[in-house]
Amino acid sequence: MYSKIPMPGFTWNSGDMKYHLIFFPLVGAVIGLLEWIWLMLCLAAGIGNTAVAAVSLAIPLLVTGGIHVDGFMDTMDAVHSWQNREKKLEILKDPHIGAFAVISLAAYGLLAFAAMSQILLAAVPRRISSGDTALFASFCCVFFLSRALSGISVSTFQPAKKDGMLKTSEQTAAKRVVRRCLCAEAALCVLVMVRLCPVGGGLMAFAVGLAFVWYRDMSCRTFGGITGDLAGWFVTMAELMAMIAGWIAGML
């Protein structure tokens, strides 16, 4: 459901979904691993940072099929419609793409590319050593952290609608076990990020935390709760804010 990785099927809205959110961050772990492998291949082959950055931004889309970007675009259309709450929730369900979705995605792509390029410029010179790649290694963990926090939101925050994919996930989850496991996963991920790169990892983890607070406030204030699209918006925004934080860390 959360990736294009072939997996055994399960019955929707059943006991099979009870613990599925616990494994949601593993999609991020796969993305992070692929990002690291790509970087190592590029370093070995002498590929330039522009190509490295472009493919690095494409990897999450290829693994997930763009499910979170779809939520980001729907959310941008709804937020910028300046309609009442009910109309905004209708816009979230509308499969058509509006102008604000396209504009927001273009701006997101430009900012993400700029930030990724600077992370690579600061963290990846022409030689390979653990110190050189520490910032990028820490960034690879962000994909795991953003999904762990997204899962926590699904099992904790109030849903905005009485139906939909997120409501089904929330109803069928064993909430207490799921929350505890996801909190442990998030905490462990932050520790690894800081261990890999104390300044950069700490700044990126803090940026993801800020995105999480923003996500909760915006969702409750604007939509009366969260939806699957808003959860996707959070994943994409958390990763962008982490990239910008990594950019800043690279200049320190």
Protein backbone atom coordinates (compact mmCIF):
# COMPACT_ATOMS: atom_id res chain seq x y z
CA MET A 1 0.00 0.00 0.00
CA TYR A 2 2.82 2.42 0.81
CA SER A 3 5.32 1.36 -1.83
CA LYS A 4 5.79 -0.31 -5.20
CA ILE A 5 7.78 -3.12 -3.59
CA PRO A 6 6.01 -6.43 -4.33
CA MET A 7 4.56 -7.83 -1.10
CA PRO A 8 2.02 -10.52 -0.13
CA GLY A 9 -1.55 -9.26 -0.25
CA PHE A 10 -3.83 -8.90 2.75
CA THR A 11 -7.54 -8.40 3.36
CA TRP A 12 -8.43 -4.74 3.63
CA ASN A 13 -10.20 -3.61 6.82
CA SER A 14 -9.36 -6.78 8.72
CA GLY A 15 -7.14 -8.07 11.50
CA ASP A 16 -4.31 -8.21 8.95
CA MET A 17 -3.99 -4.43 9.36
CA LYS A 18 -3.68 -4.49 13.15
CA TYR A 19 0.08 -3.91 13.23
CA HIS A 20 0.81 -2.78 9.69
CA LEU A 21 1.81 0.77 10.69
CA ILE A 22 4.72 -0.59 12.72
CA PHE A 23 6.31 -1.68 9.44
CA PHE A 24 5.55 1.53 7.56
CA PRO A 25 9.00 3.04 8.40
CA LEU A 26 10.66 0.06 6.71
CA VAL A 27 9.68 1.64 3.39
CA GLY A 28 11.78 4.61 4.46
CA ALA A 29 14.62 2.27 5.41
CA VAL A 30 14.59 0.84 1.87
CA ILE A 31 14.65 4.35 0.40
CA GLY A 32 17.53 5.37 2.65
CA LEU A 33 19.50 2.25 1.73
CA LEU A 34 18.98 2.88 -1.99
CA GLU A 35 20.05 6.51 -1.54
CA TRP A 36 23.28 5.34 0.11
CA ILE A 37 23.98 2.72 -2.56
CA TRP A 38 23.40 5.31 -5.28
CA LEU A 39 25.80 7.72 -3.60
CA MET A 40 28.53 5.06 -3.30
CA LEU A 41 28.11 4.12 -6.97
CA CYS A 42 28.34 7.76 -8.01
CA LEU A 43 31.45 8.34 -5.93
CA ALA A 44 33.10 5.28 -7.41
CA ALA A 45 32.17 6.31 -10.95
CA GLY A 46 32.92 10.02 -10.53
CA ILE A 47 29.37 11.10 -11.41
CA GLY A 48 28.71 14.81 -10.82
CA ASN A 49 26.61 16.19 -7.99
CA THR A 50 23.84 17.44 -10.29
CA ALA A 51 23.06 13.92 -11.50
CA VAL A 52 23.47 12.53 -7.97
CA ALA A 53 20.97 15.06 -6.60
CA ALA A 54 18.43 14.51 -9.38
CA VAL A 55 18.38 10.73 -9.03
CA SER A 56 18.41 10.99 -5.22
CA LEU A 57 15.18 12.98 -5.41
CA ALA A 58 13.69 10.47 -7.86
CA ILE A 59 14.38 7.40 -5.69
CA PRO A 60 11.56 8.06 -3.17
CA LEU A 61 9.12 8.56 -6.04
CA LEU A 62 10.17 5.31 -7.71
CA VAL A 63 9.91 3.31 -4.48
CA THR A 64 6.58 4.75 -3.28
CA GLY A 65 4.88 5.40 -6.59
CA GLY A 66 4.32 9.00 -5.52
CA ILE A 67 1.59 8.25 -2.96
CA HIS A 68 2.85 10.93 -0.55
CA VAL A 69 3.39 13.50 -3.29
CA ASP A 70 -0.22 12.93 -4.35
CA GLY A 71 -1.28 13.81 -0.81
CA PHE A 72 0.96 16.88 -0.86
CA MET A 73 -0.62 18.12 -4.10
CA ASP A 74 -4.19 17.52 -2.93
CA THR A 75 -3.43 19.34 0.33
CA MET A 76 -1.95 22.32 -1.48
CA ASP A 77 -5.04 22.61 -3.65
CA ALA A 78 -7.29 22.47 -0.60
CA VAL A 79 -5.28 24.90 1.55
CA HIS A 80 -4.98 27.49 -1.22
CA SER A 81 -8.64 27.29 -2.16
CA TRP A 82 -9.53 29.51 0.85
CA GLN A 83 -12.88 27.71 1.10
CA ASN A 84 -14.64 26.52 4.25
CA ARG A 85 -13.60 23.30 5.97
CA GLU A 86 -16.21 21.11 4.26
CA LYS A 87 -15.20 22.34 0.81
CA LYS A 88 -11.52 21.80 1.58
CA LEU A 89 -12.23 18.20 2.58
CA GLU A 90 -14.08 17.73 -0.72
CA ILE A 91 -11.07 19.09 -2.61
CA LEU A 92 -8.85 16.54 -0.86
CA LYS A 93 -10.99 13.76 -2.36
CA ASP A 94 -11.09 15.31 -5.84
CA PRO A 95 -8.84 13.27 -8.19
CA HIS A 96 -8.26 16.26 -10.48
CA ILE A 97 -5.11 18.40 -10.21
CA GLY A 98 -5.49 22.12 -9.61
CA ALA A 99 -3.17 25.00 -10.43
CA PHE A 100 -1.95 25.40 -6.86
CA ALA A 101 -0.93 21.74 -6.72
CA VAL A 102 1.27 22.18 -9.79
CA ILE A 103 2.74 25.48 -8.57
CA SER A 104 3.46 24.05 -5.11
CA LEU A 105 5.05 20.90 -6.51
CA ALA A 106 7.28 22.96 -8.82
CA ALA A 107 8.40 25.11 -5.89
CA TYR A 108 8.97 22.00 -3.79
CA GLY A 109 11.09 20.40 -6.49
CA LEU A 110 13.26 23.48 -6.93
CA LEU A 111 13.84 23.86 -3.19
CA ALA A 112 14.53 20.15 -2.75
CA PHE A 113 17.01 20.11 -5.63
CA ALA A 114 18.81 23.19 -4.31
CA ALA A 115 19.05 21.73 -0.80
CA MET A 116 20.15 18.29 -1.98
CA SER A 117 22.81 19.81 -4.21
CA GLN A 118 24.22 21.76 -1.28
CA ILE A 119 24.18 18.72 1.00
CA LEU A 120 26.22 16.86 -1.60
CA LEU A 121 28.55 19.81 -2.14
CA ALA A 122 29.26 20.07 1.58
CA ALA A 123 29.31 16.37 2.43
CA VAL A 124 30.72 14.58 -0.59
CA PRO A 125 34.11 15.65 -1.95
CA ARG A 126 36.01 13.51 -4.45
CA ARG A 127 37.42 11.14 -1.86
CA ILE A 128 35.51 8.64 0.24
CA SER A 129 35.78 8.51 4.01
CA SER A 130 33.31 8.11 6.86
CA GLY A 131 33.71 11.75 7.81
CA ASP A 132 33.00 13.01 4.30
CA THR A 133 29.70 11.15 3.93
CA ALA A 134 28.41 11.47 7.51
CA LEU A 135 25.90 14.23 6.69
CA PHE A 136 24.42 12.30 3.77
CA ALA A 137 24.33 9.09 5.81
CA SER A 138 22.35 10.90 8.49
CA PHE A 139 20.01 12.32 5.86
CA CYS A 140 19.29 8.79 4.60
CA CYS A 141 17.68 8.09 7.98
CA VAL A 142 15.13 10.90 7.50
CA PHE A 143 12.94 8.71 5.28
CA PHE A 144 12.56 6.24 8.16
CA LEU A 145 11.90 8.98 10.73
CA SER A 146 9.26 10.81 8.69
CA ARG A 147 7.28 7.60 8.24
CA ALA A 148 7.58 6.64 11.90
CA LEU A 149 6.12 10.01 12.90
CA SER A 150 3.44 9.74 10.21
CA GLY A 151 2.40 6.39 11.69
CA ILE A 152 2.31 7.93 15.17
CA SER A 153 -0.02 10.64 13.87
CA VAL A 154 -2.40 8.08 12.36
CA SER A 155 -2.64 6.21 15.66
CA THR A 156 -2.84 9.38 17.79
CA PHE A 157 -4.34 12.40 16.02
CA GLN A 158 -8.04 12.92 15.44
CA PRO A 159 -9.17 11.95 11.91
CA ALA A 160 -10.96 14.64 9.93
CA LYS A 161 -13.32 12.21 8.18
CA LYS A 162 -15.43 9.26 9.27
CA ASP A 163 -14.30 7.14 6.32
CA GLY A 164 -11.32 6.72 4.03
CA MET A 165 -7.98 4.89 4.08
CA LEU A 166 -6.63 6.67 7.14
CA LYS A 167 -9.81 6.05 9.15
CA THR A 168 -9.62 2.35 8.30
CA SER A 169 -5.98 2.23 9.39
CA GLU A 170 -6.81 4.05 12.61
CA GLN A 171 -9.75 1.77 13.45
CA THR A 172 -7.99 -1.53 12.72
CA ALA A 173 -4.68 -0.69 14.45
CA ALA A 174 -3.77 -1.99 17.88
CA LYS A 175 -3.14 1.59 18.94
CA ARG A 176 -1.17 1.20 22.14
CA VAL A 177 1.26 -1.36 20.75
CA VAL A 178 1.60 0.54 17.47
CA ARG A 179 2.30 3.86 19.19
CA ARG A 180 4.91 2.38 21.51
CA CYS A 181 6.72 0.61 18.69
CA LEU A 182 6.67 3.64 16.42
CA CYS A 183 7.90 5.93 19.21
CA ALA A 184 10.75 3.50 19.88
CA GLU A 185 11.57 3.38 16.17
CA ALA A 186 11.56 7.19 15.92
CA ALA A 187 13.75 7.60 19.00
CA LEU A 188 16.23 5.01 17.77
CA CYS A 189 16.37 6.70 14.38
CA VAL A 190 17.14 10.09 15.96
CA LEU A 191 19.92 8.53 18.03
CA VAL A 192 21.44 6.98 14.90
CA MET A 193 21.22 10.30 13.02
CA VAL A 194 22.97 12.18 15.81
CA ARG A 195 25.55 9.42 16.19
CA LEU A 196 26.37 9.56 12.47
CA CYS A 197 26.58 13.35 12.30
CA PRO A 198 26.04 15.20 15.60
CA VAL A 199 25.35 18.67 14.20
CA GLY A 200 23.73 17.76 10.89
CA GLY A 201 21.77 14.83 12.27
CA GLY A 202 20.53 16.89 15.20
CA LEU A 203 19.43 19.76 12.96
CA MET A 204 17.64 17.44 10.52
CA ALA A 205 15.86 15.58 13.34
CA PHE A 206 14.81 18.93 14.83
CA ALA A 207 13.49 20.06 11.43
CA VAL A 208 11.40 16.89 11.10
CA GLY A 209 10.07 17.52 14.61
CA LEU A 210 9.07 21.06 13.64
CA ALA A 211 7.29 19.69 10.57
CA PHE A 212 5.41 17.28 12.84
CA VAL A 213 4.21 20.12 15.11
CA TRP A 214 3.23 22.19 12.06
CA TYR A 215 1.38 19.20 10.60
CA ARG A 216 -0.72 18.70 13.74
CA ASP A 217 -1.53 22.40 14.11
CA MET A 218 -2.38 22.95 10.46
CA SER A 219 -4.47 19.78 10.19
CA CYS A 220 -6.57 20.49 13.28
CA ARG A 221 -6.97 24.20 12.57
CA THR A 222 -7.72 23.92 8.85
CA PHE A 223 -9.33 20.51 8.41
CA GLY A 224 -10.50 19.50 11.88
CA GLY A 225 -8.14 16.52 11.94
CA ILE A 226 -5.88 14.49 9.67
CA THR A 227 -6.52 12.49 6.52
CA GLY A 228 -4.40 10.20 4.38
CA ASP A 229 -3.59 13.13 2.09
CA LEU A 230 -2.44 15.25 5.02
CA ALA A 231 -0.27 12.40 6.28
CA GLY A 232 1.33 12.31 2.82
CA TRP A 233 1.80 16.08 2.94
CA PHE A 234 3.64 15.69 6.23
CA VAL A 235 6.04 13.04 4.88
CA THR A 236 7.00 15.22 1.92
CA MET A 237 7.32 18.42 3.98
CA ALA A 238 9.33 16.68 6.70
CA GLU A 239 11.81 15.46 4.11
CA LEU A 240 12.06 18.90 2.50
CA MET A 241 12.63 20.61 5.84
CA ALA A 242 15.27 18.00 6.69
CA MET A 243 17.04 18.71 3.40
CA ILE A 244 17.05 22.44 4.12
CA ALA A 245 18.37 21.73 7.63
CA GLY A 246 21.10 19.57 6.09
CA TRP A 247 21.95 22.42 3.74
CA ILE A 248 22.34 24.74 6.75
CA ALA A 249 24.39 22.15 8.61
CA GLY A 250 26.72 21.84 5.64
CA MET A 251 27.54 25.53 5.85
CA LEU A 252 28.41 25.46 9.56
